[in-house]
PDB file of N, CA and C in Angstrom:
ATOM      1  N   MET A   1      27.022   6.570   6.872  1.00  0.00           N
ATOM      2  CA  MET A   1      25.794   5.798   6.800  1.00  0.00           C
ATOM      3  C   MET A   1      24.765   6.600   6.000  1.00  0.00           C
ATOM      4  N   HIS A   2      23.976   5.891   5.187  1.00  0.00           N
ATOM      5  CA  HIS A   2      22.925   6.507   4.376  1.00  0.00           C
ATOM      6  C   HIS A   2      21.560   6.051   4.875  1.00  0.00           C
ATOM      7  N   CYS A   3      20.567   6.883   4.650  1.00  0.00           N
ATOM      8  CA  CYS A   3      19.199   6.530   5.009  1.00  0.00           C
ATOM      9  C   CYS A   3      18.735   5.384   4.104  1.00  0.00           C
ATOM     10  N   PRO A   4      18.183   4.291   4.669  1.00  0.00           N
ATOM     11  CA  PRO A   4      17.725   3.178   3.831  1.00  0.00           C
ATOM     12  C   PRO A   4      16.476   3.496   3.017  1.00  0.00           C
ATOM     13  N   ARG A   5      15.731   4.528   3.379  1.00  0.00           N
ATOM     14  CA  ARG A   5      14.507   4.870   2.673  1.00  0.00           C
ATOM     15  C   ARG A   5      14.757   5.841   1.515  1.00  0.00           C
ATOM     16  N   CYS A   6      15.516   6.938   1.770  1.00  0.00           N
ATOM     17  CA  CYS A   6      15.694   7.962   0.729  1.00  0.00           C
ATOM     18  C   CYS A   6      17.150   8.131   0.303  1.00  0.00           C
ATOM     19  N   SER A   7      18.072   7.366   0.877  1.00  0.00           N
ATOM     20  CA  SER A   7      19.502   7.394   0.555  1.00  0.00           C
ATOM     21  C   SER A   7      20.179   8.720   0.874  1.00  0.00           C
ATOM     22  N   SER A   8      19.630   9.477   1.795  1.00  0.00           N
ATOM     23  CA  SER A   8      20.235  10.743   2.212  1.00  0.00           C
ATOM     24  C   SER A   8      21.578  10.481   2.884  1.00  0.00           C
ATOM     25  N   GLU A   9      22.504  11.385   2.695  1.00  0.00           N
ATOM     26  CA  GLU A   9      23.820  11.248   3.296  1.00  0.00           C
ATOM     27  C   GLU A   9      23.922  11.964   4.639  1.00  0.00           C
ATOM     28  N   HIS A  10      22.800  12.472   5.179  1.00  0.00           N
ATOM     29  CA  HIS A  10      22.834  13.301   6.377  1.00  0.00           C
ATOM     30  C   HIS A  10      22.093  12.744   7.587  1.00  0.00           C
ATOM     31  N   PRO A  11      22.001  11.415   7.784  1.00  0.00           N
ATOM     32  CA  PRO A  11      21.333  10.944   8.996  1.00  0.00           C
ATOM     33  C   PRO A  11      22.210  11.198  10.222  1.00  0.00           C
ATOM     34  N   TYR A  12      21.556  11.281  11.368  1.00  0.00           N
ATOM     35  CA  TYR A  12      22.286  11.487  12.618  1.00  0.00           C
ATOM     36  C   TYR A  12      21.774  10.504  13.666  1.00  0.00           C
ATOM     37  N   GLU A  13      22.626  10.228  14.646  1.00  0.00           N
ATOM     38  CA  GLU A  13      22.267   9.278  15.685  1.00  0.00           C
ATOM     39  C   GLU A  13      21.586  10.006  16.839  1.00  0.00           C
ATOM     40  N   ASP A  14      20.477   9.451  17.298  1.00  0.00           N
ATOM     41  CA  ASP A  14      19.737  10.033  18.413  1.00  0.00           C
ATOM     42  C   ASP A  14      19.409   8.902  19.376  1.00  0.00           C
ATOM     43  N   GLY A  15      20.184   8.783  20.433  1.00  0.00           N
ATOM     44  CA  GLY A  15      20.012   7.660  21.358  1.00  0.00           C
ATOM     45  C   GLY A  15      20.455   6.386  20.661  1.00  0.00           C
ATOM     46  N   GLY A  16      19.588   5.400  20.569  1.00  0.00           N
ATOM     47  CA  GLY A  16      19.915   4.152  19.897  1.00  0.00           C
ATOM     48  C   GLY A  16      19.400   4.092  18.471  1.00  0.00           C
ATOM     49  N   LEU A  17      18.824   5.172  17.982  1.00  0.00           N
ATOM     50  CA  LEU A  17      18.246   5.198  16.643  1.00  0.00           C
ATOM     51  C   LEU A  17      18.995   6.160  15.731  1.00  0.00           C
ATOM     52  N   TRP A  18      18.947   5.884  14.448  1.00  0.00           N
ATOM     53  CA  TRP A  18      19.421   6.824  13.432  1.00  0.00           C
ATOM     54  C   TRP A  18      18.198   7.531  12.879  1.00  0.00           C
ATOM     55  N   VAL A  19      18.323   8.834  12.613  1.00  0.00           N
ATOM     56  CA  VAL A  19      17.216   9.652  12.132  1.00  0.00           C
ATOM     57  C   VAL A  19      17.639  10.365  10.863  1.00  0.00           C
ATOM     58  N   CYS A  20      16.772  10.347   9.849  1.00  0.00           N
ATOM     59  CA  CYS A  20      17.033  11.067   8.600  1.00  0.00           C
ATOM     60  C   CYS A  20      16.314  12.415   8.673  1.00  0.00           C
ATOM     61  N   PRO A  21      17.035  13.532   8.548  1.00  0.00           N
ATOM     62  CA  PRO A  21      16.384  14.834   8.611  1.00  0.00           C
ATOM     63  C   PRO A  21      15.584  15.173   7.353  1.00  0.00           C
ATOM     64  N   GLU A  22      15.832  14.476   6.258  1.00  0.00           N
ATOM     65  CA  GLU A  22      15.144  14.787   5.003  1.00  0.00           C
ATOM     66  C   GLU A  22      13.775  14.119   4.898  1.00  0.00           C
ATOM     67  N   CYS A  23      13.688  12.827   5.278  1.00  0.00           N
ATOM     68  CA  CYS A  23      12.399  12.124   5.135  1.00  0.00           C
ATOM     69  C   CYS A  23      11.778  11.773   6.491  1.00  0.00           C
ATOM     70  N   GLY A  24      12.531  11.947   7.594  1.00  0.00           N
ATOM     71  CA  GLY A  24      11.996  11.667   8.921  1.00  0.00           C
ATOM     72  C   GLY A  24      12.022  10.204   9.318  1.00  0.00           C
ATOM     73  N   HIS A  25      12.619   9.356   8.496  1.00  0.00           N
ATOM     74  CA  HIS A  25      12.674   7.921   8.780  1.00  0.00           C
ATOM     75  C   HIS A  25      13.608   7.658   9.951  1.00  0.00           C
ATOM     76  N   GLU A  26      13.213   6.749  10.849  1.00  0.00           N
ATOM     77  CA  GLU A  26      14.042   6.342  11.986  1.00  0.00           C
ATOM     78  C   GLU A  26      14.293   4.854  11.888  1.00  0.00           C
ATOM     79  N   TRP A  27      15.530   4.426  12.199  1.00  0.00           N
ATOM     80  CA  TRP A  27      15.859   3.018  12.159  1.00  0.00           C
ATOM     81  C   TRP A  27      16.951   2.708  13.161  1.00  0.00           C
ATOM     82  N   SER A  28      17.050   1.429  13.498  1.00  0.00           N
ATOM     83  CA  SER A  28      18.052   0.960  14.443  1.00  0.00           C
ATOM     84  C   SER A  28      19.338   0.670  13.690  1.00  0.00           C
ATOM     85  N   ALA A  29      20.457   1.049  14.255  1.00  0.00           N
ATOM     86  CA  ALA A  29      21.754   0.791  13.616  1.00  0.00           C
ATOM     87  C   ALA A  29      22.088  -0.700  13.652  1.00  0.00           C
ATOM     88  N   HIS A  30      21.438  -1.453  14.532  1.00  0.00           N
ATOM     89  CA  HIS A  30      21.738  -2.872  14.695  1.00  0.00           C
ATOM     90  C   HIS A  30      21.003  -3.752  13.684  1.00  0.00           C
ATOM     91  N   ALA A  31      19.919  -3.259  13.093  1.00  0.00           N
ATOM     92  CA  ALA A  31      19.117  -4.104  12.197  1.00  0.00           C
ATOM     93  C   ALA A  31      18.673  -3.364  10.944  1.00  0.00           C
ATOM     94  N   PRO A  32      19.597  -2.779  10.163  1.00  0.00           N
ATOM     95  CA  PRO A  32      19.156  -2.071   8.960  1.00  0.00           C
ATOM     96  C   PRO A  32      18.580  -3.002   7.899  1.00  0.00           C
ATOM     97  N   ALA A  33      19.087  -4.228   7.795  1.00  0.00           N
ATOM     98  CA  ALA A  33      18.559  -5.161   6.800  1.00  0.00           C
ATOM     99  C   ALA A  33      17.137  -5.579   7.144  1.00  0.00           C
ATOM    100  N   GLU A  34      16.848  -5.761   8.436  1.00  0.00           N
ATOM    101  CA  GLU A  34      15.494  -6.103   8.873  1.00  0.00           C
ATOM    102  C   GLU A  34      14.510  -5.010   8.507  1.00  0.00           C
ATOM    103  N   GLN A  35      14.890  -3.769   8.750  1.00  0.00           N
ATOM    104  CA  GLN A  35      14.010  -2.633   8.468  1.00  0.00           C
ATOM    105  C   GLN A  35      13.740  -2.508   6.977  1.00  0.00           C
ATOM    106  N   ALA A  36      14.780  -2.694   6.159  1.00  0.00           N
ATOM    107  CA  ALA A  36      14.610  -2.592   4.709  1.00  0.00           C
ATOM    108  C   ALA A  36      13.665  -3.679   4.209  1.00  0.00           C
ATOM    109  N   ALA A  37      13.777  -4.893   4.768  1.00  0.00           N
ATOM    110  CA  ALA A  37      12.877  -5.978   4.373  1.00  0.00           C
ATOM    111  C   ALA A  37      11.448  -5.670   4.796  1.00  0.00           C
ATOM    112  N   GLU A  38      11.267  -5.081   5.983  1.00  0.00           N
ATOM    113  CA  GLU A  38       9.932  -4.721   6.467  1.00  0.00           C
ATOM    114  C   GLU A  38       9.314  -3.640   5.580  1.00  0.00           C
ATOM    115  N   ASP A  39      10.095  -2.636   5.168  1.00  0.00           N
ATOM    116  CA  ASP A  39       9.595  -1.585   4.291  1.00  0.00           C
ATOM    117  C   ASP A  39       9.184  -2.151   2.941  1.00  0.00           C
ATOM    118  N   GLU A  40       9.941  -3.122   2.429  1.00  0.00           N
ATOM    119  CA  GLU A  40       9.635  -3.717   1.131  1.00  0.00           C
ATOM    120  C   GLU A  40       8.318  -4.496   1.192  1.00  0.00           C
ATOM    121  N   GLN A  41       8.039  -5.165   2.320  1.00  0.00           N
ATOM    122  CA  GLN A  41       6.810  -5.933   2.451  1.00  0.00           C
ATOM    123  C   GLN A  41       5.586  -5.031   2.498  1.00  0.00           C
ATOM    124  N   SER A  42       5.737  -3.811   2.977  1.00  0.00           N
ATOM    125  CA  SER A  42       4.590  -2.935   3.128  1.00  0.00           C
ATOM    126  C   SER A  42       4.199  -2.241   1.827  1.00  0.00           C
ATOM    127  N   VAL A  43       4.949  -2.450   0.747  1.00  0.00           N
ATOM    128  CA  VAL A  43       4.624  -1.860  -0.541  1.00  0.00           C
ATOM    129  C   VAL A  43       3.481  -2.649  -1.166  1.00  0.00           C
ATOM    130  N   VAL A  44       2.439  -1.947  -1.607  1.00  0.00           N
ATOM    131  CA  VAL A  44       1.287  -2.594  -2.238  1.00  0.00           C
ATOM    132  C   VAL A  44       1.372  -2.350  -3.737  1.00  0.00           C
ATOM    133  N   ARG A  45       1.285  -3.428  -4.511  1.00  0.00           N
ATOM    134  CA  ARG A  45       1.375  -3.341  -5.972  1.00  0.00           C
ATOM    135  C   ARG A  45       0.088  -3.856  -6.610  1.00  0.00           C
ATOM    136  N   ASP A  46      -0.251  -3.277  -7.764  1.00  0.00           N
ATOM    137  CA  ASP A  46      -1.452  -3.718  -8.480  1.00  0.00           C
ATOM    138  C   ASP A  46      -1.141  -4.951  -9.321  1.00  0.00           C
ATOM    139  N   ALA A  47      -2.084  -5.379 -10.146  1.00  0.00           N
ATOM    140  CA  ALA A  47      -1.929  -6.582 -10.957  1.00  0.00           C
ATOM    141  C   ALA A  47      -0.782  -6.464 -11.952  1.00  0.00           C
ATOM    142  N   ASN A  48      -0.412  -5.244 -12.341  1.00  0.00           N
ATOM    143  CA  ASN A  48       0.678  -5.028 -13.292  1.00  0.00           C
ATOM    144  C   ASN A  48       2.010  -4.759 -12.612  1.00  0.00           C
ATOM    145  N   GLY A  49       2.043  -4.730 -11.285  1.00  0.00           N
ATOM    146  CA  GLY A  49       3.277  -4.480 -10.556  1.00  0.00           C
ATOM    147  C   GLY A  49       3.537  -3.020 -10.246  1.00  0.00           C
ATOM    148  N   THR A  50       2.593  -2.139 -10.538  1.00  0.00           N
ATOM    149  CA  THR A  50       2.738  -0.717 -10.251  1.00  0.00           C
ATOM    150  C   THR A  50       2.466  -0.477  -8.768  1.00  0.00           C
ATOM    151  N   VAL A  51       3.302   0.337  -8.133  1.00  0.00           N
ATOM    152  CA  VAL A  51       3.144   0.639  -6.716  1.00  0.00           C
ATOM    153  C   VAL A  51       1.921   1.531  -6.516  1.00  0.00           C
ATOM    154  N   LEU A  52       1.076   1.169  -5.555  1.00  0.00           N
ATOM    155  CA  LEU A  52      -0.122   1.946  -5.234  1.00  0.00           C
ATOM    156  C   LEU A  52       0.115   2.773  -3.979  1.00  0.00           C
ATOM    157  N   ALA A  53      -0.579   3.906  -3.877  1.00  0.00           N
ATOM    158  CA  ALA A  53      -0.481   4.785  -2.711  1.00  0.00           C
ATOM    159  C   ALA A  53      -1.882   5.239  -2.320  1.00  0.00           C
ATOM    160  N   ASP A  54      -2.016   5.730  -1.089  1.00  0.00           N
ATOM    161  CA  ASP A  54      -3.295   6.269  -0.640  1.00  0.00           C
ATOM    162  C   ASP A  54      -3.742   7.382  -1.578  1.00  0.00           C
ATOM    163  N   GLY A  55      -5.039   7.384  -1.912  1.00  0.00           N
ATOM    164  CA  GLY A  55      -5.601   8.427  -2.761  1.00  0.00           C
ATOM    165  C   GLY A  55      -5.560   8.124  -4.243  1.00  0.00           C
ATOM    166  N   ASP A  56      -4.900   7.050  -4.655  1.00  0.00           N
ATOM    167  CA  ASP A  56      -4.848   6.689  -6.078  1.00  0.00           C
ATOM    168  C   ASP A  56      -6.222   6.261  -6.584  1.00  0.00           C
ATOM    169  N   SER A  57      -6.386   6.296  -7.884  1.00  0.00           N
ATOM    170  CA  SER A  57      -7.569   5.746  -8.540  1.00  0.00           C
ATOM    171  C   SER A  57      -7.167   4.441  -9.204  1.00  0.00           C
ATOM    172  N   VAL A  58      -8.032   3.441  -9.097  1.00  0.00           N
ATOM    173  CA  VAL A  58      -7.758   2.138  -9.689  1.00  0.00           C
ATOM    174  C   VAL A  58      -8.974   1.671 -10.476  1.00  0.00           C
ATOM    175  N   THR A  59      -8.752   0.693 -11.347  1.00  0.00           N
ATOM    176  CA  THR A  59      -9.809   0.082 -12.125  1.00  0.00           C
ATOM    177  C   THR A  59      -9.828  -1.410 -11.823  1.00  0.00           C
ATOM    178  N   VAL A  60     -11.011  -1.956 -11.561  1.00  0.00           N
ATOM    179  CA  VAL A  60     -11.166  -3.392 -11.305  1.00  0.00           C
ATOM    180  C   VAL A  60     -10.958  -4.119 -12.632  1.00  0.00           C
ATOM    181  N   ILE A  61     -10.140  -5.192 -12.640  1.00  0.00           N
ATOM    182  CA  ILE A  61      -9.787  -5.844 -13.897  1.00  0.00           C
ATOM    183  C   ILE A  61     -10.677  -7.033 -14.257  1.00  0.00           C
ATOM    184  N   LYS A  62     -11.481  -7.527 -13.317  1.00  0.00           N
ATOM    185  CA  LYS A  62     -12.391  -8.635 -13.631  1.00  0.00           C
ATOM    186  C   LYS A  62     -13.612  -8.553 -12.729  1.00  0.00           C
ATOM    187  N   ASP A  63     -14.685  -9.236 -13.107  1.00  0.00           N
ATOM    188  CA  ASP A  63     -15.880  -9.259 -12.278  1.00  0.00           C
ATOM    189  C   ASP A  63     -15.558  -9.928 -10.940  1.00  0.00           C
ATOM    190  N   LEU A  64     -15.975  -9.276  -9.844  1.00  0.00           N
ATOM    191  CA  LEU A  64     -15.723  -9.802  -8.504  1.00  0.00           C
ATOM    192  C   LEU A  64     -17.039 -10.014  -7.778  1.00  0.00           C
ATOM    193  N   LYS A  65     -17.273 -11.230  -7.307  1.00  0.00           N
ATOM    194  CA  LYS A  65     -18.462 -11.513  -6.512  1.00  0.00           C
ATOM    195  C   LYS A  65     -18.281 -10.902  -5.141  1.00  0.00           C
ATOM    196  N   ILE A  66     -19.358 -10.375  -4.595  1.00  0.00           N
ATOM    197  CA  ILE A  66     -19.329  -9.803  -3.251  1.00  0.00           C
ATOM    198  C   ILE A  66     -19.777 -10.888  -2.290  1.00  0.00           C
ATOM    199  N   LYS A  67     -18.910 -11.212  -1.354  1.00  0.00           N
ATOM    200  CA  LYS A  67     -19.196 -12.284  -0.404  1.00  0.00           C
ATOM    201  C   LYS A  67     -20.433 -11.937   0.420  1.00  0.00           C
ATOM    202  N   GLY A  68     -21.377 -12.852   0.480  1.00  0.00           N
ATOM    203  CA  GLY A  68     -22.582 -12.662   1.276  1.00  0.00           C
ATOM    204  C   GLY A  68     -23.657 -11.848   0.583  1.00  0.00           C
ATOM    205  N   ALA A  69     -23.462 -11.545  -0.693  1.00  0.00           N
ATOM    206  CA  ALA A  69     -24.462 -10.761  -1.436  1.00  0.00           C
ATOM    207  C   ALA A  69     -24.611 -11.356  -2.830  1.00  0.00           C
ATOM    208  N   SER A  70     -25.674 -10.976  -3.490  1.00  0.00           N
ATOM    209  CA  SER A  70     -25.894 -11.483  -4.837  1.00  0.00           C
ATOM    210  C   SER A  70     -25.382 -10.497  -5.894  1.00  0.00           C
ATOM    211  N   GLN A  71     -24.728  -9.436  -5.464  1.00  0.00           N
ATOM    212  CA  GLN A  71     -24.224  -8.429  -6.394  1.00  0.00           C
ATOM    213  C   GLN A  71     -22.803  -8.746  -6.844  1.00  0.00           C
ATOM    214  N   VAL A  72     -22.392  -8.063  -7.923  1.00  0.00           N
ATOM    215  CA  VAL A  72     -21.074  -8.253  -8.505  1.00  0.00           C
ATOM    216  C   VAL A  72     -20.458  -6.885  -8.779  1.00  0.00           C
ATOM    217  N   ILE A  73     -19.146  -6.762  -8.541  1.00  0.00           N
ATOM    218  CA  ILE A  73     -18.417  -5.573  -8.974  1.00  0.00           C
ATOM    219  C   ILE A  73     -17.924  -5.875 -10.381  1.00  0.00           C
ATOM    220  N   LYS A  74     -18.406  -5.143 -11.355  1.00  0.00           N
ATOM    221  CA  LYS A  74     -18.080  -5.407 -12.758  1.00  0.00           C
ATOM    222  C   LYS A  74     -16.643  -5.021 -13.086  1.00  0.00           C
ATOM    223  N   GLY A  75     -16.016  -5.798 -13.949  1.00  0.00           N
ATOM    224  CA  GLY A  75     -14.693  -5.450 -14.449  1.00  0.00           C
ATOM    225  C   GLY A  75     -14.773  -4.117 -15.175  1.00  0.00           C
ATOM    226  N   GLY A  76     -13.788  -3.258 -14.984  1.00  0.00           N
ATOM    227  CA  GLY A  76     -13.794  -1.934 -15.592  1.00  0.00           C
ATOM    228  C   GLY A  76     -14.329  -0.850 -14.680  1.00  0.00           C
ATOM    229  N   THR A  77     -14.833  -1.232 -13.492  1.00  0.00           N
ATOM    230  CA  THR A  77     -15.332  -0.250 -12.538  1.00  0.00           C
ATOM    231  C   THR A  77     -14.167   0.574 -12.016  1.00  0.00           C
ATOM    232  N   LYS A  78     -14.296   1.899 -12.093  1.00  0.00           N
ATOM    233  CA  LYS A  78     -13.238   2.787 -11.614  1.00  0.00           C
ATOM    234  C   LYS A  78     -13.520   3.162 -10.165  1.00  0.00           C
ATOM    235  N   VAL A  79     -12.474   3.070  -9.327  1.00  0.00           N
ATOM    236  CA  VAL A  79     -12.583   3.374  -7.909  1.00  0.00           C
ATOM    237  C   VAL A  79     -11.606   4.502  -7.603  1.00  0.00           C
ATOM    238  N   ARG A  80     -12.118   5.585  -7.031  1.00  0.00           N
ATOM    239  CA  ARG A  80     -11.273   6.748  -6.730  1.00  0.00           C
ATOM    240  C   ARG A  80     -10.984   6.826  -5.240  1.00  0.00           C
ATOM    241  N   GLY A  81      -9.828   7.370  -4.899  1.00  0.00           N
ATOM    242  CA  GLY A  81      -9.496   7.656  -3.507  1.00  0.00           C
ATOM    243  C   GLY A  81      -9.339   6.424  -2.637  1.00  0.00           C
ATOM    244  N   ILE A  82      -8.534   5.459  -3.071  1.00  0.00           N
ATOM    245  CA  ILE A  82      -8.347   4.247  -2.271  1.00  0.00           C
ATOM    246  C   ILE A  82      -7.512   4.550  -1.028  1.00  0.00           C
ATOM    247  N   ARG A  83      -7.652   3.674  -0.027  1.00  0.00           N
ATOM    248  CA  ARG A  83      -6.830   3.734   1.177  1.00  0.00           C
ATOM    249  C   ARG A  83      -6.168   2.377   1.338  1.00  0.00           C
ATOM    250  N   LEU A  84      -4.864   2.377   1.569  1.00  0.00           N
ATOM    251  CA  LEU A  84      -4.142   1.125   1.775  1.00  0.00           C
ATOM    252  C   LEU A  84      -4.271   0.720   3.231  1.00  0.00           C
ATOM    253  N   VAL A  85      -4.686  -0.517   3.462  1.00  0.00           N
ATOM    254  CA  VAL A  85      -4.899  -1.033   4.811  1.00  0.00           C
ATOM    255  C   VAL A  85      -4.277  -2.418   4.917  1.00  0.00           C
ATOM    256  N   ASP A  86      -4.160  -2.897   6.129  1.00  0.00           N
ATOM    257  CA  ASP A  86      -3.683  -4.251   6.381  1.00  0.00           C
ATOM    258  C   ASP A  86      -4.883  -5.063   6.830  1.00  0.00           C
ATOM    259  N   GLY A  87      -5.766  -5.346   5.873  1.00  0.00           N
ATOM    260  CA  GLY A  87      -7.002  -6.047   6.192  1.00  0.00           C
ATOM    261  C   GLY A  87      -6.814  -7.552   6.228  1.00  0.00           C
ATOM    262  N   GLY A  88      -7.821  -8.233   6.713  1.00  0.00           N
ATOM    263  CA  GLY A  88      -7.773  -9.681   6.801  1.00  0.00           C
ATOM    264  C   GLY A  88      -8.020 -10.346   5.461  1.00  0.00           C
ATOM    265  N   GLY A  89      -7.533 -11.557   5.311  1.00  0.00           N
ATOM    266  CA  GLY A  89      -7.768 -12.336   4.108  1.00  0.00           C
ATOM    267  C   GLY A  89      -7.084 -11.800   2.868  1.00  0.00           C
ATOM    268  N   GLY A  90      -6.039 -11.016   3.017  1.00  0.00           N
ATOM    269  CA  GLY A  90      -5.321 -10.485   1.863  1.00  0.00           C
ATOM    270  C   GLY A  90      -5.910  -9.228   1.270  1.00  0.00           C
ATOM    271  N   HIS A  91      -6.978  -8.713   1.853  1.00  0.00           N
ATOM    272  CA  HIS A  91      -7.588  -7.484   1.365  1.00  0.00           C
ATOM    273  C   HIS A  91      -6.749  -6.309   1.864  1.00  0.00           C
ATOM    274  N   ASN A  92      -6.123  -5.577   0.934  1.00  0.00           N
ATOM    275  CA  ASN A  92      -5.237  -4.501   1.334  1.00  0.00           C
ATOM    276  C   ASN A  92      -5.633  -3.135   0.776  1.00  0.00           C
ATOM    277  N   ILE A  93      -6.827  -3.034   0.210  1.00  0.00           N
ATOM    278  CA  ILE A  93      -7.348  -1.759  -0.288  1.00  0.00           C
ATOM    279  C   ILE A  93      -8.739  -1.540   0.291  1.00  0.00           C
ATOM    280  N   ALA A  94      -8.946  -0.404   0.939  1.00  0.00           N
ATOM    281  CA  ALA A  94     -10.268  -0.012   1.414  1.00  0.00           C
ATOM    282  C   ALA A  94     -10.757   1.102   0.503  1.00  0.00           C
ATOM    283  N   CYS A  95     -12.023   1.032   0.088  1.00  0.00           N
ATOM    284  CA  CYS A  95     -12.539   2.029  -0.853  1.00  0.00           C
ATOM    285  C   CYS A  95     -14.060   2.107  -0.736  1.00  0.00           C
ATOM    286  N   ARG A  96     -14.613   3.058  -1.438  1.00  0.00           N
ATOM    287  CA  ARG A  96     -16.064   3.201  -1.527  1.00  0.00           C
ATOM    288  C   ARG A  96     -16.426   3.091  -3.004  1.00  0.00           C
ATOM    289  N   ILE A  97     -17.335   2.165  -3.314  1.00  0.00           N
ATOM    290  CA  ILE A  97     -17.767   1.955  -4.686  1.00  0.00           C
ATOM    291  C   ILE A  97     -19.185   2.471  -4.814  1.00  0.00           C
ATOM    292  N   ALA A  98     -19.399   3.329  -5.798  1.00  0.00           N
ATOM    293  CA  ALA A  98     -20.713   3.939  -6.016  1.00  0.00           C
ATOM    294  C   ALA A  98     -21.772   2.860  -6.192  1.00  0.00           C
ATOM    295  N   GLY A  99     -22.850   2.977  -5.439  1.00  0.00           N
ATOM    296  CA  GLY A  99     -23.955   2.041  -5.525  1.00  0.00           C
ATOM    297  C   GLY A  99     -23.794   0.797  -4.664  1.00  0.00           C
ATOM    298  N   LEU A 100     -22.594   0.549  -4.165  1.00  0.00           N
ATOM    299  CA  LEU A 100     -22.354  -0.640  -3.355  1.00  0.00           C
ATOM    300  C   LEU A 100     -21.883  -0.309  -1.946  1.00  0.00           C
ATOM    301  N   GLY A 101     -21.238   0.841  -1.759  1.00  0.00           N
ATOM    302  CA  GLY A 101     -20.781   1.247  -0.433  1.00  0.00           C
ATOM    303  C   GLY A 101     -19.325   0.929  -0.184  1.00  0.00           C
ATOM    304  N   ASP A 102     -18.963   0.862   1.090  1.00  0.00           N
ATOM    305  CA  ASP A 102     -17.580   0.608   1.484  1.00  0.00           C
ATOM    306  C   ASP A 102     -17.218  -0.845   1.222  1.00  0.00           C
ATOM    307  N   MET A 103     -16.023  -1.041   0.650  1.00  0.00           N
ATOM    308  CA  MET A 103     -15.550  -2.381   0.289  1.00  0.00           C
ATOM    309  C   MET A 103     -14.070  -2.493   0.606  1.00  0.00           C
ATOM    310  N   ASN A 104     -13.614  -3.723   0.759  1.00  0.00           N
ATOM    311  CA  ASN A 104     -12.198  -4.035   0.816  1.00  0.00           C
ATOM    312  C   ASN A 104     -11.885  -4.893  -0.401  1.00  0.00           C
ATOM    313  N   LEU A 105     -10.793  -4.560  -1.085  1.00  0.00           N
ATOM    314  CA  LEU A 105     -10.393  -5.278  -2.294  1.00  0.00           C
ATOM    315  C   LEU A 105      -8.978  -5.803  -2.143  1.00  0.00           C
ATOM    316  N   LYS A 106      -8.646  -6.790  -2.949  1.00  0.00           N
ATOM    317  CA  LYS A 106      -7.272  -7.275  -3.034  1.00  0.00           C
ATOM    318  C   LYS A 106      -6.594  -6.540  -4.187  1.00  0.00           C
ATOM    319  N   SER A 107      -5.362  -6.149  -3.974  1.00  0.00           N
ATOM    320  CA  SER A 107      -4.648  -5.381  -4.998  1.00  0.00           C
ATOM    321  C   SER A 107      -4.392  -6.180  -6.269  1.00  0.00           C
ATOM    322  N   GLU A 108      -4.426  -7.481  -6.192  1.00  0.00           N
ATOM    323  CA  GLU A 108      -4.181  -8.310  -7.372  1.00  0.00           C
ATOM    324  C   GLU A 108      -5.317  -8.236  -8.392  1.00  0.00           C
ATOM    325  N   PHE A 109      -6.457  -7.670  -7.999  1.00  0.00           N
ATOM    326  CA  PHE A 109      -7.603  -7.571  -8.909  1.00  0.00           C
ATOM    327  C   PHE A 109      -7.850  -6.168  -9.414  1.00  0.00           C
ATOM    328  N   VAL A 110      -6.899  -5.264  -9.235  1.00  0.00           N
ATOM    329  CA  VAL A 110      -7.047  -3.895  -9.718  1.00  0.00           C
ATOM    330  C   VAL A 110      -5.797  -3.462 -10.469  1.00  0.00           C
ATOM    331  N   LYS A 111      -5.943  -2.444 -11.288  1.00  0.00           N
ATOM    332  CA  LYS A 111      -4.790  -1.813 -11.926  1.00  0.00           C
ATOM    333  C   LYS A 111      -4.910  -0.310 -11.734  1.00  0.00           C
ATOM    334  N   LYS A 112      -3.783   0.360 -11.633  1.00  0.00           N
ATOM    335  CA  LYS A 112      -3.764   1.801 -11.417  1.00  0.00           C
ATOM    336  C   LYS A 112      -4.346   2.490 -12.636  1.00  0.00           C
ATOM    337  N   ALA A 113      -5.240   3.445 -12.386  1.00  0.00           N
ATOM    338  CA  ALA A 113      -5.910   4.147 -13.488  1.00  0.00           C
ATOM    339  C   ALA A 113      -5.102   5.346 -13.938  1.00  0.00           C
TER     340      ALA A 113
END
C-alpha cells in the first residue's frame, strides 16, 4: 500500500488507520478513495488554476466592490501573506489589505504573484 498524499512506500498500520512516516498523513484502509476525494476538494486554486498555499502573495485581477461600504479593491492590488480558510459564501482567502483592513476574498478573483 502507498500513501495517497505523498506516494510513500513505507506506510504502516496503527489500529484501524494507516500512517505515513514521511508526511504524517493518516487514513482509513476502508475508504482510501473517499479520503483522496476530500483532499482534492480542499485544494484552493487561483483564477489561472495555480494551487495557492498559506503565506502566498496574490494580485487582485479586477475591481471588487466591498459589501456594505462605498470603497473598492482596485484590480492589480497586491496582497501578501494570505491565509486559506473555509469561509462562508465561497470566500476562501483571508488577508489584510493596506488601507482597508482584514478582508475575505474568493480565489477566483486573484492570481498568484
